[in-house]
Protein backbone atom coordinates (compact mmCIF):
# COMPACT_ATOMS: atom_id res chain seq x y z
CA MET A 1 -9.89 -1.88 2.27
CA GLN A 2 -9.74 -5.52 2.09
CA PRO A 3 -10.00 -5.86 -1.66
CA VAL A 4 -7.09 -3.23 -2.32
CA VAL A 5 -5.08 -5.71 0.14
CA GLY A 6 -6.24 -8.89 -2.15
CA LEU A 7 -5.20 -7.04 -5.54
CA ALA A 8 -1.82 -5.91 -3.97
CA ALA A 9 -1.05 -9.50 -2.73
CA GLU A 10 -1.68 -10.37 -6.32
CA MET A 11 0.58 -8.00 -7.91
CA ARG A 12 3.44 -8.63 -5.26
CA ARG A 13 2.87 -12.72 -6.02
CA ARG A 14 3.55 -11.34 -9.73
CA GLY A 15 6.90 -9.79 -8.97
CA HIS A 16 5.70 -6.34 -8.14
CA ASP A 17 7.15 -4.23 -5.73
CA VAL A 18 3.72 -2.96 -4.10
CA ARG A 19 3.60 0.19 -1.64
CA LEU A 20 -0.15 0.99 -0.44
CA CYS A 21 -1.09 4.46 1.01
CA VAL A 22 -3.61 3.89 3.77
CA PRO A 23 -5.20 5.91 6.50
CA PRO A 24 -3.20 5.94 9.74
CA ASN A 25 -5.42 3.66 11.33
CA PHE A 26 -4.51 0.91 8.87
CA ILE A 27 -0.73 1.38 8.45
CA ASP A 28 0.05 -1.40 11.09
CA TRP A 29 -2.02 -3.89 9.79
CA VAL A 30 -0.69 -3.55 6.22
CA VAL A 31 2.88 -3.36 7.46
CA GLY A 32 1.77 -6.68 9.16
CA LEU A 33 1.14 -8.27 6.12
CA GLY A 34 4.41 -7.65 4.75
CA PHE A 35 3.56 -4.39 2.36
CA LYS A 36 5.01 -1.23 2.68
CA ALA A 37 2.64 1.68 3.64
CA SER A 38 2.40 5.37 3.29
CA ASP A 39 0.21 7.43 5.44
CA ALA A 40 -2.34 8.71 2.88
CA SER A 41 -3.56 11.48 5.36
CA SER A 42 -0.23 13.37 5.41
CA SER A 43 0.13 14.79 1.60
CA CYS A 44 -1.57 14.29 -1.33
CA THR A 45 1.74 14.36 -2.76
CA SER A 46 3.14 11.78 -0.84
CA CYS A 47 1.37 8.91 -2.60
CA THR A 48 1.57 8.68 -6.57
CA LEU A 49 0.84 5.66 -8.48
CA TYR A 50 4.44 5.41 -9.38
CA ASP A 51 5.39 5.66 -5.46
CA CYS A 52 2.28 2.83 -4.74
CA VAL A 53 3.07 0.34 -7.42
CA SER A 54 6.53 0.25 -9.23
């Protein structure tokens, strides 16, 4: 999980709007780091590449 957060942080630094699709037990942690987060276990279609990184 942490390598993905590192990549997301760099993408955000470069001006991208980043949303991470993570297991439910990581949502609070990811949101606490300032990212938008979706529950990856709720639905396969709720987390597309376009939704996660725009």
